[in-house]
Amino acid sequence: MFVHHLTFAALLIAVGTLSAHIFYIPAVVAKCFPVQHAINVLAAVILGPACSVAIAFLISLLRNLLGFGSLLAFPGSMVGAFLAALFYKYRHTVGAAMTGEIIGTGLIGGLLAFPIANFVLGKATAAWFFLPPFFASTIGGSIIAGLILKSGALSAVSSSLASRGRNGNKA
């Protein structure tokens, strides 16, 4: 991995971890975290599938270790990051990345949360219980990321990382 990619990934992990205790939406056994979803879309567009999933995993892990998150952070964030990157890889639009994040976290992550909550947390709840808060969180975060990317605020970062990746410079 290039130093620039690693540095940007570390920055996203730090922002995702440190902002977790400040801004989240409580949903009984889950904590919905729009910043995570914004980071998923940003990482998907700028860094690609492997990095975006690794970033999502590390943020979820650190949030849980620090007591800011719940185990339900893992399926939603990782599936959302993967689908956001996959959709972006094949469609090359920010809207595609946002759609992948929303489907991955809001739908698939929400459904995956049910057995985890039932097994780990001992909550025999209906699967649909997780869908509304997961959708609200991921839609909000995806819109934030879309606005950041459309504004061009990270265009210098993304073009720098892309050019270094294509040219093989490891500076």
N, C-alpha and C. Protein backbone atom coordinates (compact mmCIF):
# COMPACT_ATOMS: atom_id res chain seq x y z
N MET A 1 0.85 -1.18 0.00
CA MET A 1 0.00 0.00 0.00
C MET A 1 0.89 1.24 0.00
N PHE A 2 0.54 2.22 -0.73
CA PHE A 2 1.32 3.45 -0.83
C PHE A 2 1.19 4.25 0.45
N VAL A 3 2.22 5.02 0.75
CA VAL A 3 2.23 5.84 1.95
C VAL A 3 1.06 6.82 1.95
N HIS A 4 0.76 7.40 0.80
CA HIS A 4 -0.34 8.36 0.72
C HIS A 4 -1.69 7.69 0.99
N HIS A 5 -1.87 6.50 0.45
CA HIS A 5 -3.11 5.76 0.71
C HIS A 5 -3.22 5.42 2.19
N LEU A 6 -2.13 4.95 2.75
CA LEU A 6 -2.11 4.56 4.16
C LEU A 6 -2.38 5.77 5.06
N THR A 7 -1.80 6.89 4.72
CA THR A 7 -2.00 8.11 5.51
C THR A 7 -3.45 8.56 5.45
N PHE A 8 -4.04 8.56 4.25
CA PHE A 8 -5.43 8.96 4.11
C PHE A 8 -6.36 7.98 4.84
N ALA A 9 -6.05 6.69 4.74
CA ALA A 9 -6.84 5.68 5.46
C ALA A 9 -6.75 5.91 6.96
N ALA A 10 -5.56 6.19 7.47
CA ALA A 10 -5.38 6.45 8.91
C ALA A 10 -6.17 7.68 9.34
N LEU A 11 -6.19 8.69 8.49
CA LEU A 11 -6.97 9.90 8.80
C LEU A 11 -8.46 9.57 8.90
N LEU A 12 -8.96 8.79 7.95
CA LEU A 12 -10.38 8.41 7.99
C LEU A 12 -10.69 7.56 9.22
N ILE A 13 -9.80 6.66 9.58
CA ILE A 13 -9.99 5.82 10.78
C ILE A 13 -10.02 6.69 12.03
N ALA A 14 -9.10 7.66 12.11
CA ALA A 14 -9.06 8.55 13.27
C ALA A 14 -10.34 9.38 13.38
N VAL A 15 -10.78 9.95 12.27
CA VAL A 15 -12.02 10.75 12.29
C VAL A 15 -13.21 9.87 12.68
N GLY A 16 -13.29 8.69 12.09
CA GLY A 16 -14.39 7.78 12.39
C GLY A 16 -14.41 7.33 13.84
N THR A 17 -13.26 7.06 14.38
CA THR A 17 -13.18 6.58 15.76
C THR A 17 -13.42 7.71 16.76
N LEU A 18 -12.76 8.82 16.57
CA LEU A 18 -12.84 9.91 17.55
C LEU A 18 -14.17 10.64 17.54
N SER A 19 -14.87 10.65 16.42
CA SER A 19 -16.16 11.32 16.38
C SER A 19 -17.31 10.42 16.83
N ALA A 20 -17.02 9.15 17.11
CA ALA A 20 -18.07 8.19 17.45
C ALA A 20 -18.79 8.52 18.75
N HIS A 21 -18.08 9.05 19.72
CA HIS A 21 -18.72 9.34 21.00
C HIS A 21 -19.45 10.67 20.99
N ILE A 22 -19.28 11.45 19.92
CA ILE A 22 -19.90 12.77 19.84
C ILE A 22 -21.23 12.73 19.09
N PHE A 23 -21.26 12.03 17.96
CA PHE A 23 -22.43 12.10 17.11
C PHE A 23 -22.90 10.71 16.70
N TYR A 24 -23.98 10.26 17.32
CA TYR A 24 -24.61 9.02 16.92
C TYR A 24 -26.10 9.11 17.23
N ILE A 25 -26.86 8.22 16.61
CA ILE A 25 -28.30 8.17 16.80
C ILE A 25 -28.60 6.88 17.56
N PRO A 26 -29.06 6.97 18.82
CA PRO A 26 -29.36 5.75 19.57
C PRO A 26 -30.60 5.04 19.01
N ALA A 27 -30.50 3.73 18.87
CA ALA A 27 -31.62 2.93 18.39
C ALA A 27 -31.69 1.66 19.24
N VAL A 28 -32.03 1.78 20.49
CA VAL A 28 -32.15 0.73 21.49
C VAL A 28 -30.84 -0.05 21.62
N VAL A 29 -30.64 -1.15 20.88
CA VAL A 29 -29.41 -1.93 21.01
C VAL A 29 -28.34 -1.52 20.01
N ALA A 30 -28.67 -0.64 19.10
CA ALA A 30 -27.71 -0.19 18.08
C ALA A 30 -27.41 1.29 18.28
N LYS A 31 -26.26 1.69 17.79
CA LYS A 31 -25.90 3.10 17.73
C LYS A 31 -25.64 3.42 16.26
N CYS A 32 -26.52 4.18 15.66
CA CYS A 32 -26.38 4.53 14.25
C CYS A 32 -25.44 5.72 14.13
N PHE A 33 -24.50 5.62 13.20
CA PHE A 33 -23.39 6.52 13.13
C PHE A 33 -23.21 7.06 11.71
N PRO A 34 -23.85 8.19 11.38
CA PRO A 34 -23.78 8.71 10.01
C PRO A 34 -22.36 9.01 9.53
N VAL A 35 -21.46 9.39 10.44
CA VAL A 35 -20.08 9.69 10.04
C VAL A 35 -19.43 8.44 9.43
N GLN A 36 -19.74 7.27 9.98
CA GLN A 36 -19.19 6.02 9.45
C GLN A 36 -19.61 5.84 7.99
N HIS A 37 -20.84 6.15 7.69
CA HIS A 37 -21.34 5.95 6.33
C HIS A 37 -20.74 6.96 5.36
N ALA A 38 -20.52 8.17 5.84
CA ALA A 38 -19.84 9.17 5.01
C ALA A 38 -18.42 8.69 4.72
N ILE A 39 -17.75 8.17 5.73
CA ILE A 39 -16.39 7.66 5.55
C ILE A 39 -16.39 6.47 4.60
N ASN A 40 -17.39 5.60 4.69
CA ASN A 40 -17.48 4.45 3.78
C ASN A 40 -17.52 4.91 2.33
N VAL A 41 -18.34 5.91 2.04
CA VAL A 41 -18.47 6.39 0.66
C VAL A 41 -17.18 7.08 0.22
N LEU A 42 -16.61 7.91 1.09
CA LEU A 42 -15.35 8.59 0.74
C LEU A 42 -14.25 7.58 0.46
N ALA A 43 -14.11 6.59 1.33
CA ALA A 43 -13.08 5.56 1.14
C ALA A 43 -13.35 4.73 -0.11
N ALA A 44 -14.60 4.42 -0.37
CA ALA A 44 -14.95 3.63 -1.55
C ALA A 44 -14.54 4.35 -2.82
N VAL A 45 -14.82 5.64 -2.89
CA VAL A 45 -14.54 6.42 -4.09
C VAL A 45 -13.04 6.67 -4.24
N ILE A 46 -12.38 6.99 -3.14
CA ILE A 46 -10.98 7.41 -3.23
C ILE A 46 -10.00 6.25 -3.12
N LEU A 47 -10.30 5.25 -2.29
CA LEU A 47 -9.32 4.20 -2.01
C LEU A 47 -9.68 2.82 -2.56
N GLY A 48 -10.93 2.56 -2.85
CA GLY A 48 -11.31 1.27 -3.42
C GLY A 48 -11.83 0.27 -2.41
N PRO A 49 -12.20 -0.93 -2.90
CA PRO A 49 -12.90 -1.93 -2.06
C PRO A 49 -12.10 -2.44 -0.86
N ALA A 50 -10.88 -2.88 -1.07
CA ALA A 50 -10.13 -3.49 0.04
C ALA A 50 -9.89 -2.49 1.16
N CYS A 51 -9.46 -1.30 0.79
CA CYS A 51 -9.19 -0.28 1.81
C CYS A 51 -10.47 0.16 2.52
N SER A 52 -11.56 0.31 1.78
CA SER A 52 -12.79 0.79 2.42
C SER A 52 -13.32 -0.23 3.42
N VAL A 53 -13.23 -1.52 3.10
CA VAL A 53 -13.67 -2.55 4.04
C VAL A 53 -12.74 -2.59 5.26
N ALA A 54 -11.43 -2.48 5.03
CA ALA A 54 -10.48 -2.48 6.14
C ALA A 54 -10.71 -1.28 7.06
N ILE A 55 -10.98 -0.12 6.48
CA ILE A 55 -11.26 1.08 7.26
C ILE A 55 -12.52 0.89 8.09
N ALA A 56 -13.58 0.37 7.47
CA ALA A 56 -14.83 0.13 8.18
C ALA A 56 -14.62 -0.85 9.34
N PHE A 57 -13.87 -1.91 9.09
CA PHE A 57 -13.59 -2.89 10.15
C PHE A 57 -12.82 -2.25 11.30
N LEU A 58 -11.77 -1.51 10.99
CA LEU A 58 -10.94 -0.92 12.04
C LEU A 58 -11.70 0.13 12.86
N ILE A 59 -12.52 0.93 12.20
CA ILE A 59 -13.32 1.91 12.94
C ILE A 59 -14.29 1.18 13.87
N SER A 60 -14.96 0.14 13.36
CA SER A 60 -15.89 -0.62 14.20
C SER A 60 -15.16 -1.27 15.37
N LEU A 61 -14.00 -1.85 15.11
CA LEU A 61 -13.22 -2.49 16.16
C LEU A 61 -12.80 -1.48 17.22
N LEU A 62 -12.24 -0.36 16.80
CA LEU A 62 -11.80 0.65 17.76
C LEU A 62 -12.97 1.24 18.54
N ARG A 63 -14.08 1.49 17.88
CA ARG A 63 -15.27 2.00 18.59
C ARG A 63 -15.72 1.02 19.66
N ASN A 64 -15.71 -0.26 19.35
CA ASN A 64 -16.12 -1.26 20.34
C ASN A 64 -15.12 -1.37 21.47
N LEU A 65 -13.84 -1.36 21.16
CA LEU A 65 -12.81 -1.45 22.20
C LEU A 65 -12.85 -0.25 23.14
N LEU A 66 -13.21 0.91 22.60
CA LEU A 66 -13.27 2.13 23.41
C LEU A 66 -14.63 2.34 24.06
N GLY A 67 -15.59 1.46 23.78
CA GLY A 67 -16.91 1.55 24.39
C GLY A 67 -17.84 2.54 23.71
N PHE A 68 -17.54 2.97 22.49
CA PHE A 68 -18.38 3.92 21.77
C PHE A 68 -19.37 3.25 20.84
N GLY A 69 -19.21 1.98 20.57
CA GLY A 69 -20.03 1.33 19.56
C GLY A 69 -20.68 0.06 20.07
N SER A 70 -21.32 -0.63 19.15
CA SER A 70 -21.92 -1.92 19.47
C SER A 70 -21.44 -2.92 18.42
N LEU A 71 -21.67 -4.19 18.70
CA LEU A 71 -21.25 -5.22 17.76
C LEU A 71 -21.99 -5.13 16.43
N LEU A 72 -23.11 -4.44 16.43
CA LEU A 72 -23.89 -4.29 15.20
C LEU A 72 -23.19 -3.36 14.20
N ALA A 73 -22.12 -2.69 14.63
CA ALA A 73 -21.38 -1.81 13.72
C ALA A 73 -20.67 -2.60 12.64
N PHE A 74 -20.25 -3.82 12.95
CA PHE A 74 -19.46 -4.59 11.99
C PHE A 74 -20.20 -4.95 10.71
N PRO A 75 -21.37 -5.61 10.79
CA PRO A 75 -21.99 -6.02 9.52
C PRO A 75 -22.43 -4.85 8.66
N GLY A 76 -23.03 -3.86 9.27
CA GLY A 76 -23.52 -2.73 8.48
C GLY A 76 -22.40 -1.95 7.82
N SER A 77 -21.39 -1.62 8.59
CA SER A 77 -20.34 -0.78 8.02
C SER A 77 -19.52 -1.52 6.97
N MET A 78 -19.20 -2.77 7.21
CA MET A 78 -18.34 -3.50 6.29
C MET A 78 -19.05 -3.86 4.99
N VAL A 79 -20.29 -4.29 5.07
CA VAL A 79 -21.05 -4.61 3.86
C VAL A 79 -21.31 -3.33 3.07
N GLY A 80 -21.66 -2.26 3.78
CA GLY A 80 -21.89 -0.98 3.12
C GLY A 80 -20.65 -0.47 2.41
N ALA A 81 -19.51 -0.54 3.07
CA ALA A 81 -18.25 -0.08 2.46
C ALA A 81 -17.92 -0.92 1.22
N PHE A 82 -18.11 -2.22 1.32
CA PHE A 82 -17.80 -3.09 0.19
C PHE A 82 -18.70 -2.80 -1.01
N LEU A 83 -20.01 -2.71 -0.77
CA LEU A 83 -20.92 -2.45 -1.89
C LEU A 83 -20.74 -1.05 -2.46
N ALA A 84 -20.43 -0.07 -1.61
CA ALA A 84 -20.18 1.28 -2.11
C ALA A 84 -18.99 1.27 -3.07
N ALA A 85 -17.93 0.59 -2.67
CA ALA A 85 -16.73 0.52 -3.52
C ALA A 85 -16.99 -0.29 -4.79
N LEU A 86 -17.73 -1.38 -4.65
CA LEU A 86 -18.04 -2.21 -5.81
C LEU A 86 -18.91 -1.46 -6.82
N PHE A 87 -19.95 -0.79 -6.33
CA PHE A 87 -20.83 -0.01 -7.21
C PHE A 87 -20.03 1.10 -7.88
N TYR A 88 -19.16 1.76 -7.13
CA TYR A 88 -18.35 2.83 -7.72
C TYR A 88 -17.37 2.29 -8.76
N LYS A 89 -16.79 1.14 -8.46
CA LYS A 89 -15.81 0.54 -9.38
C LYS A 89 -16.42 0.28 -10.76
N TYR A 90 -17.69 -0.14 -10.78
CA TYR A 90 -18.31 -0.49 -12.05
C TYR A 90 -19.12 0.63 -12.69
N ARG A 91 -19.57 1.61 -11.92
CA ARG A 91 -20.39 2.69 -12.48
C ARG A 91 -19.64 4.02 -12.53
N HIS A 92 -18.61 4.20 -11.74
CA HIS A 92 -17.78 5.41 -11.72
C HIS A 92 -18.56 6.69 -11.44
N THR A 93 -19.58 6.59 -10.58
CA THR A 93 -20.31 7.78 -10.17
C THR A 93 -20.44 7.78 -8.65
N VAL A 94 -20.46 8.97 -8.10
CA VAL A 94 -20.64 9.11 -6.65
C VAL A 94 -22.01 8.57 -6.25
N GLY A 95 -23.01 8.80 -7.09
CA GLY A 95 -24.35 8.28 -6.81
C GLY A 95 -24.37 6.77 -6.70
N ALA A 96 -23.58 6.10 -7.51
CA ALA A 96 -23.49 4.64 -7.43
C ALA A 96 -22.89 4.21 -6.09
N ALA A 97 -21.84 4.92 -5.66
CA ALA A 97 -21.23 4.60 -4.36
C ALA A 97 -22.22 4.82 -3.23
N MET A 98 -22.97 5.91 -3.29
CA MET A 98 -23.98 6.20 -2.27
C MET A 98 -25.05 5.11 -2.26
N THR A 99 -25.48 4.68 -3.43
CA THR A 99 -26.48 3.62 -3.53
C THR A 99 -25.96 2.32 -2.94
N GLY A 100 -24.71 1.97 -3.25
CA GLY A 100 -24.11 0.76 -2.68
C GLY A 100 -24.05 0.82 -1.17
N GLU A 101 -23.68 1.98 -0.63
CA GLU A 101 -23.63 2.15 0.83
C GLU A 101 -25.02 1.99 1.44
N ILE A 102 -26.01 2.59 0.83
CA ILE A 102 -27.37 2.52 1.37
C ILE A 102 -27.92 1.09 1.32
N ILE A 103 -27.71 0.40 0.22
CA ILE A 103 -28.17 -1.00 0.12
C ILE A 103 -27.38 -1.88 1.08
N GLY A 104 -26.06 -1.70 1.10
CA GLY A 104 -25.21 -2.55 1.94
C GLY A 104 -25.46 -2.38 3.42
N THR A 105 -25.57 -1.14 3.87
CA THR A 105 -25.78 -0.90 5.29
C THR A 105 -27.26 -0.93 5.65
N GLY A 106 -28.06 -0.17 4.91
CA GLY A 106 -29.47 -0.04 5.27
C GLY A 106 -30.26 -1.32 5.15
N LEU A 107 -30.05 -2.05 4.07
CA LEU A 107 -30.82 -3.27 3.86
C LEU A 107 -30.10 -4.51 4.36
N ILE A 108 -28.94 -4.79 3.77
CA ILE A 108 -28.24 -6.03 4.12
C ILE A 108 -27.70 -5.96 5.55
N GLY A 109 -27.06 -4.83 5.91
CA GLY A 109 -26.55 -4.68 7.28
C GLY A 109 -27.66 -4.74 8.32
N GLY A 110 -28.80 -4.13 8.00
CA GLY A 110 -29.94 -4.19 8.91
C GLY A 110 -30.45 -5.61 9.12
N LEU A 111 -30.47 -6.38 8.04
CA LEU A 111 -30.91 -7.78 8.15
C LEU A 111 -29.87 -8.64 8.86
N LEU A 112 -28.58 -8.37 8.64
CA LEU A 112 -27.53 -9.11 9.34
C LEU A 112 -27.47 -8.78 10.83
N ALA A 113 -27.98 -7.60 11.18
CA ALA A 113 -27.97 -7.20 12.59
C ALA A 113 -28.91 -8.06 13.43
N PHE A 114 -29.96 -8.58 12.81
CA PHE A 114 -30.93 -9.37 13.57
C PHE A 114 -30.31 -10.60 14.23
N PRO A 115 -29.64 -11.50 13.50
CA PRO A 115 -29.08 -12.66 14.19
C PRO A 115 -27.97 -12.31 15.17
N ILE A 116 -27.22 -11.25 14.88
CA ILE A 116 -26.17 -10.84 15.82
C ILE A 116 -26.79 -10.34 17.12
N ALA A 117 -27.81 -9.51 17.01
CA ALA A 117 -28.49 -9.02 18.20
C ALA A 117 -29.14 -10.16 18.97
N ASN A 118 -29.71 -11.08 18.25
CA ASN A 118 -30.38 -12.22 18.89
C ASN A 118 -29.36 -13.12 19.59
N PHE A 119 -28.25 -13.42 18.94
CA PHE A 119 -27.25 -14.33 19.50
C PHE A 119 -26.39 -13.67 20.57
N VAL A 120 -25.81 -12.54 20.24
CA VAL A 120 -24.85 -11.90 21.13
C VAL A 120 -25.53 -11.11 22.25
N LEU A 121 -26.53 -10.33 21.89
CA LEU A 121 -27.15 -9.46 22.87
C LEU A 121 -28.37 -10.08 23.55
N GLY A 122 -28.81 -11.23 23.05
CA GLY A 122 -29.96 -11.90 23.66
C GLY A 122 -31.27 -11.19 23.42
N LYS A 123 -31.34 -10.41 22.37
CA LYS A 123 -32.56 -9.67 22.04
C LYS A 123 -33.31 -10.38 20.93
N ALA A 124 -34.44 -10.94 21.24
CA ALA A 124 -35.26 -11.60 20.23
C ALA A 124 -36.17 -10.55 19.59
N THR A 125 -35.60 -9.78 18.69
CA THR A 125 -36.35 -8.71 18.02
C THR A 125 -36.58 -9.08 16.57
N ALA A 126 -37.49 -8.38 15.96
CA ALA A 126 -37.78 -8.61 14.55
C ALA A 126 -36.70 -7.94 13.69
N ALA A 127 -36.39 -8.54 12.58
CA ALA A 127 -35.35 -8.02 11.70
C ALA A 127 -35.68 -6.61 11.21
N TRP A 128 -36.94 -6.34 10.99
CA TRP A 128 -37.32 -5.04 10.48
C TRP A 128 -37.06 -3.91 11.47
N PHE A 129 -36.85 -4.24 12.72
CA PHE A 129 -36.58 -3.24 13.75
C PHE A 129 -35.31 -2.45 13.43
N PHE A 130 -34.32 -3.10 12.84
CA PHE A 130 -33.04 -2.45 12.56
C PHE A 130 -33.04 -1.67 11.26
N LEU A 131 -33.95 -1.97 10.37
CA LEU A 131 -33.92 -1.33 9.05
C LEU A 131 -34.14 0.18 9.10
N PRO A 132 -35.16 0.71 9.79
CA PRO A 132 -35.33 2.17 9.78
C PRO A 132 -34.13 2.96 10.33
N PRO A 133 -33.58 2.61 11.50
CA PRO A 133 -32.43 3.40 11.96
C PRO A 133 -31.19 3.22 11.08
N PHE A 134 -30.97 2.02 10.57
CA PHE A 134 -29.83 1.81 9.68
C PHE A 134 -30.00 2.62 8.40
N PHE A 135 -31.21 2.63 7.84
CA PHE A 135 -31.47 3.42 6.63
C PHE A 135 -31.29 4.91 6.90
N ALA A 136 -31.84 5.40 8.01
CA ALA A 136 -31.72 6.82 8.32
C ALA A 136 -30.26 7.23 8.45
N SER A 137 -29.49 6.43 9.13
CA SER A 137 -28.08 6.74 9.35
C SER A 137 -27.29 6.69 8.05
N THR A 138 -27.50 5.66 7.26
CA THR A 138 -26.72 5.52 6.03
C THR A 138 -27.13 6.53 4.96
N ILE A 139 -28.40 6.88 4.90
CA ILE A 139 -28.82 7.90 3.93
C ILE A 139 -28.20 9.25 4.30
N GLY A 140 -28.26 9.59 5.57
CA GLY A 140 -27.67 10.85 6.02
C GLY A 140 -26.17 10.91 5.76
N GLY A 141 -25.45 9.85 6.12
CA GLY A 141 -24.01 9.81 5.90
C GLY A 141 -23.64 9.80 4.43
N SER A 142 -24.42 9.10 3.63
CA SER A 142 -24.15 9.05 2.19
C SER A 142 -24.35 10.42 1.55
N ILE A 143 -25.36 11.13 1.99
CA ILE A 143 -25.60 12.48 1.46
C ILE A 143 -24.44 13.41 1.85
N ILE A 144 -23.98 13.31 3.08
CA ILE A 144 -22.83 14.12 3.52
C ILE A 144 -21.62 13.84 2.63
N ALA A 145 -21.31 12.57 2.42
CA ALA A 145 -20.16 12.21 1.57
C ALA A 145 -20.37 12.69 0.14
N GLY A 146 -21.58 12.52 -0.37
CA GLY A 146 -21.87 12.98 -1.73
C GLY A 146 -21.65 14.47 -1.87
N LEU A 147 -22.07 15.24 -0.88
CA LEU A 147 -21.87 16.69 -0.93
C LEU A 147 -20.38 17.05 -0.86
N ILE A 148 -19.64 16.34 -0.02
CA ILE A 148 -18.19 16.59 0.08
C ILE A 148 -17.52 16.29 -1.26
N LEU A 149 -17.86 15.14 -1.83
CA LEU A 149 -17.23 14.75 -3.10
C LEU A 149 -17.66 15.66 -4.25
N LYS A 150 -18.92 16.03 -4.31
CA LYS A 150 -19.42 16.90 -5.38
C LYS A 150 -18.85 18.31 -5.26
N SER A 151 -18.56 18.74 -4.02
CA SER A 151 -18.02 20.10 -3.83
C SER A 151 -16.59 20.23 -4.30
N GLY A 152 -15.93 19.09 -4.47
CA GLY A 152 -14.53 19.13 -4.89
C GLY A 152 -13.57 19.33 -3.74
N ALA A 153 -14.07 19.29 -2.51
CA ALA A 153 -13.23 19.52 -1.34
C ALA A 153 -12.08 18.51 -1.26
N LEU A 154 -12.30 17.30 -1.73
CA LEU A 154 -11.27 16.27 -1.68
C LEU A 154 -10.70 15.95 -3.06
N SER A 155 -10.97 16.80 -4.04
CA SER A 155 -10.50 16.49 -5.39
C SER A 155 -8.98 16.44 -5.48
N ALA A 156 -8.30 17.32 -4.75
CA ALA A 156 -6.83 17.30 -4.76
C ALA A 156 -6.30 16.02 -4.15
N VAL A 157 -6.93 15.58 -3.06
CA VAL A 157 -6.52 14.33 -2.41
C VAL A 157 -6.76 13.16 -3.34
N SER A 158 -7.94 13.09 -3.90
CA SER A 158 -8.28 11.94 -4.74
C SER A 158 -7.45 11.90 -6.02
N SER A 159 -7.20 13.05 -6.64
CA SER A 159 -6.39 13.03 -7.85
C SER A 159 -4.93 12.72 -7.52
N SER A 160 -4.44 13.18 -6.39
CA SER A 160 -3.08 12.88 -5.98
C SER A 160 -2.91 11.38 -5.72
N LEU A 161 -3.86 10.79 -5.01
CA LEU A 161 -3.79 9.35 -4.74
C LEU A 161 -3.93 8.54 -6.01
N ALA A 162 -4.81 8.98 -6.91
CA ALA A 162 -5.02 8.25 -8.16
C ALA A 162 -3.78 8.32 -9.05
N SER A 163 -3.16 9.50 -9.15
CA SER A 163 -1.99 9.62 -10.03
C SER A 163 -0.81 8.84 -9.47
N ARG A 164 -0.65 8.84 -8.17
CA ARG A 164 0.44 8.07 -7.57
C ARG A 164 0.21 6.58 -7.75
N GLY A 165 -1.06 6.17 -7.70
CA GLY A 165 -1.36 4.76 -7.88
C GLY A 165 -1.10 4.29 -9.30
N ARG A 166 -1.44 5.14 -10.29
CA ARG A 166 -1.24 4.77 -11.69
C ARG A 166 0.24 4.79 -12.09
N ASN A 167 0.98 5.75 -11.59
CA ASN A 167 2.37 5.90 -11.99
C ASN A 167 3.32 5.02 -11.20
N GLY A 168 2.84 4.42 -10.14
CA GLY A 168 3.69 3.53 -9.36
C GLY A 168 4.63 4.25 -8.42
N ASN A 169 4.42 5.56 -8.21
CA ASN A 169 5.26 6.30 -7.28
C ASN A 169 4.92 5.90 -5.86
N LYS A 170 5.92 5.61 -5.08
CA LYS A 170 5.68 5.18 -3.70
C LYS A 170 6.11 6.24 -2.70
N ALA A 171 6.16 7.46 -3.12
CA ALA A 171 6.66 8.53 -2.26
C ALA A 171 5.86 8.71 -1.07
